[in-house]
Each structure stands twice: as C-alpha cells, then as structure tokens.
Amino acid sequence: MSPATRWAVPGVAAVAGGAYLVAGLVGDDVAFGVLGLVLMLVAAGVFVLAARWSETVAGLRDRSDERINALDRSASLTAGMVVLLAVLVMFVVEIAGGEDGSPYSALGALGGVTYVASLTWLRFRR
C-alpha cells in the first residue's frame, strides 16, 4: 500500500477539521471550530489505530480487497438511501407546516439529478 493511500482518509479528516476551524473562526464561533478540528483529528487517529487490528478498516485503507470494496459500496448505498429518505420526509414535513420546503427541496433535486447523471454515465461507460 502506498503512503498516499495509507494516509488518504486521515488526511481528508484533517483537512475537514481545518475547514471546521476556519469556518468557526470566520463565523465567530471559536468553540465550534476547535471542537470540529479536535473531533476530526481524533476520528483520523482512531481510523489509523483501528486499521492495525481490524481487517475491515485495513481493507478500507488499501482498497485491494474486492469483498471489502463490495461491503463499502453496499454500506454507501444504504447510507445514501437513508439520507435521501430523510430529505424527502423533511421536505413533506416542511410543506405540511406551511413552509416552502427549503433546503430539502434543493437537496432532493441535487440527489435526483446526480442519480440520473450517474445512471446515464454508467450506462454508456459499461
């Protein structure tokens, strides 16, 4: 496994933590920024340590095991469907409450457009 692959997830977590810190400082909420940074750095550390003892986490780090990749794909699909269902439910709740459905209408539209674009792309690619 290359060093770039090994440190991709912790690196993304650290960058996200840095983004939280900057957002907190810009938005005058230092506690949010510091807490976000610390949380993401701890998550990155846990991921690195867990890879030493967990075959699943190690597989997610090196991406060479087809079985682990299939599990990751299925878990991602499930998570995406749950988030989409939550967006649709919250859209209906907003409309029922006399609101305009924002931001759930935009999130639902983004999900729908992304699905159609992905389906079209994959149809012609495979």
Protein backbone atom coordinates (compact mmCIF):
# COMPACT_ATOMS: atom_id res chain seq x y z
CA MET A 1 0.00 0.00 0.00
CA SER A 2 1.41 3.38 -0.97
CA PRO A 3 1.83 6.14 1.62
CA ALA A 4 -0.69 8.26 -0.31
CA THR A 5 -3.32 5.53 0.01
CA ARG A 6 -2.46 4.85 3.64
CA TRP A 7 -2.92 8.48 4.66
CA ALA A 8 -5.83 9.46 2.37
CA VAL A 9 -8.64 9.11 4.95
CA PRO A 10 -6.70 10.67 7.84
CA GLY A 11 -5.59 13.46 5.51
CA VAL A 12 -9.14 14.20 4.39
CA ALA A 13 -10.26 14.17 8.03
CA ALA A 14 -7.50 16.64 8.96
CA VAL A 15 -8.43 18.94 6.05
CA ALA A 16 -12.11 18.78 7.07
CA GLY A 17 -11.11 19.61 10.64
CA GLY A 18 -9.12 22.58 9.36
CA ALA A 19 -12.17 23.71 7.38
CA TYR A 20 -14.30 23.48 10.53
CA LEU A 21 -11.74 25.56 12.39
CA VAL A 22 -11.67 28.24 9.68
CA ALA A 23 -15.48 28.28 9.48
CA GLY A 24 -15.71 28.65 13.25
CA LEU A 25 -13.20 31.49 13.29
CA VAL A 26 -14.85 33.30 10.38
CA GLY A 27 -18.31 32.78 11.88
CA ASP A 28 -17.15 33.97 15.31
CA ASP A 29 -17.78 30.56 16.89
CA VAL A 30 -14.33 29.54 18.05
CA ALA A 31 -15.68 26.67 20.18
CA PHE A 32 -17.28 25.08 17.11
CA GLY A 33 -14.08 25.44 15.12
CA VAL A 34 -11.82 23.98 17.79
CA LEU A 35 -14.26 21.18 18.64
CA GLY A 36 -14.65 20.32 14.95
CA LEU A 37 -10.89 20.20 14.43
CA VAL A 38 -10.30 18.07 17.54
CA LEU A 39 -13.16 15.71 16.64
CA MET A 40 -11.84 15.15 13.11
CA LEU A 41 -8.26 14.64 14.31
CA VAL A 42 -9.45 12.10 16.89
CA ALA A 43 -11.52 10.33 14.22
CA ALA A 44 -8.45 10.19 11.95
CA GLY A 45 -6.36 8.77 14.79
CA VAL A 46 -8.96 6.15 15.64
CA PHE A 47 -9.12 5.13 11.98
CA VAL A 48 -5.33 4.74 11.80
CA LEU A 49 -5.21 2.73 15.04
CA ALA A 50 -8.23 0.59 14.14
CA ALA A 51 -6.54 -0.43 10.89
CA ARG A 52 -3.93 -2.29 12.94
CA TRP A 53 -6.49 -4.66 14.46
CA SER A 54 -9.47 -4.63 12.10
CA GLU A 55 -9.38 -6.41 8.75
CA THR A 56 -12.31 -4.30 7.56
CA VAL A 57 -10.70 -0.96 8.40
CA ALA A 58 -7.37 -2.10 6.94
CA GLY A 59 -9.21 -3.17 3.77
CA LEU A 60 -10.89 0.21 3.53
CA ARG A 61 -7.46 1.81 3.75
CA ASP A 62 -5.72 -0.14 1.00
CA ARG A 63 -8.76 -0.80 -1.28
CA SER A 64 -7.25 -4.02 -2.70
CA ASP A 65 -9.81 -6.49 -1.29
CA GLU A 66 -12.84 -6.88 -3.58
CA ARG A 67 -15.01 -8.21 -0.75
CA ILE A 68 -14.30 -5.16 1.44
CA ASN A 69 -14.91 -2.87 -1.55
CA ALA A 70 -18.28 -4.57 -2.15
CA LEU A 71 -19.19 -4.13 1.53
CA ASP A 72 -18.20 -0.46 1.32
CA ARG A 73 -20.30 0.00 -1.82
CA SER A 74 -23.34 -1.60 -0.17
CA ALA A 75 -22.90 0.44 3.02
CA SER A 76 -22.56 3.64 0.96
CA LEU A 77 -25.73 2.77 -0.96
CA THR A 78 -27.63 2.15 2.27
CA ALA A 79 -26.40 5.40 3.82
CA GLY A 80 -27.32 7.35 0.68
CA MET A 81 -30.82 5.87 0.60
CA VAL A 82 -31.39 6.70 4.28
CA VAL A 83 -30.23 10.29 3.75
CA LEU A 84 -32.45 10.62 0.67
CA LEU A 85 -35.43 9.24 2.57
CA ALA A 86 -34.77 11.70 5.42
CA VAL A 87 -34.60 14.59 2.93
CA LEU A 88 -37.92 13.56 1.38
CA VAL A 89 -39.61 13.16 4.78
CA MET A 90 -38.33 16.53 5.98
CA PHE A 91 -39.50 18.15 2.72
CA VAL A 92 -43.01 16.82 3.34
CA VAL A 93 -42.90 17.97 6.98
CA GLU A 94 -41.83 21.46 5.87
CA ILE A 95 -44.63 21.66 3.28
CA ALA A 96 -47.18 20.37 5.79
CA GLY A 97 -46.04 23.10 8.20
CA GLY A 98 -46.77 25.79 5.62
CA GLU A 99 -43.12 26.38 4.74
CA ASP A 100 -41.54 26.34 1.28
CA GLY A 101 -39.61 23.09 1.74
CA SER A 102 -36.16 24.66 1.75
CA PRO A 103 -33.43 23.45 1.93
CA TYR A 104 -34.85 19.95 1.48
CA SER A 105 -36.24 20.66 -1.99
CA ALA A 106 -32.77 21.65 -3.22
CA LEU A 107 -31.12 18.63 -1.59
CA GLY A 108 -33.73 16.29 -3.09
CA ALA A 109 -33.26 17.85 -6.52
CA LEU A 110 -29.49 17.51 -6.22
CA GLY A 111 -29.88 13.83 -5.31
CA GLY A 112 -32.25 13.20 -8.22
CA VAL A 113 -30.09 14.97 -10.80
CA THR A 114 -26.99 13.18 -9.53
CA TYR A 115 -28.75 9.82 -9.77
CA VAL A 116 -29.91 10.41 -13.36
CA ALA A 117 -26.49 11.73 -14.41
CA SER A 118 -24.72 8.78 -12.79
CA LEU A 119 -27.11 6.28 -14.32
CA THR A 120 -26.63 7.82 -17.77
CA TRP A 121 -22.83 7.96 -17.40
CA LEU A 122 -22.57 4.38 -16.15
CA ARG A 123 -24.95 3.09 -18.83
CA PHE A 124 -22.69 4.28 -21.62
CA ARG A 125 -19.46 3.51 -19.80
CA ARG A 126 -20.13 -0.15 -19.04
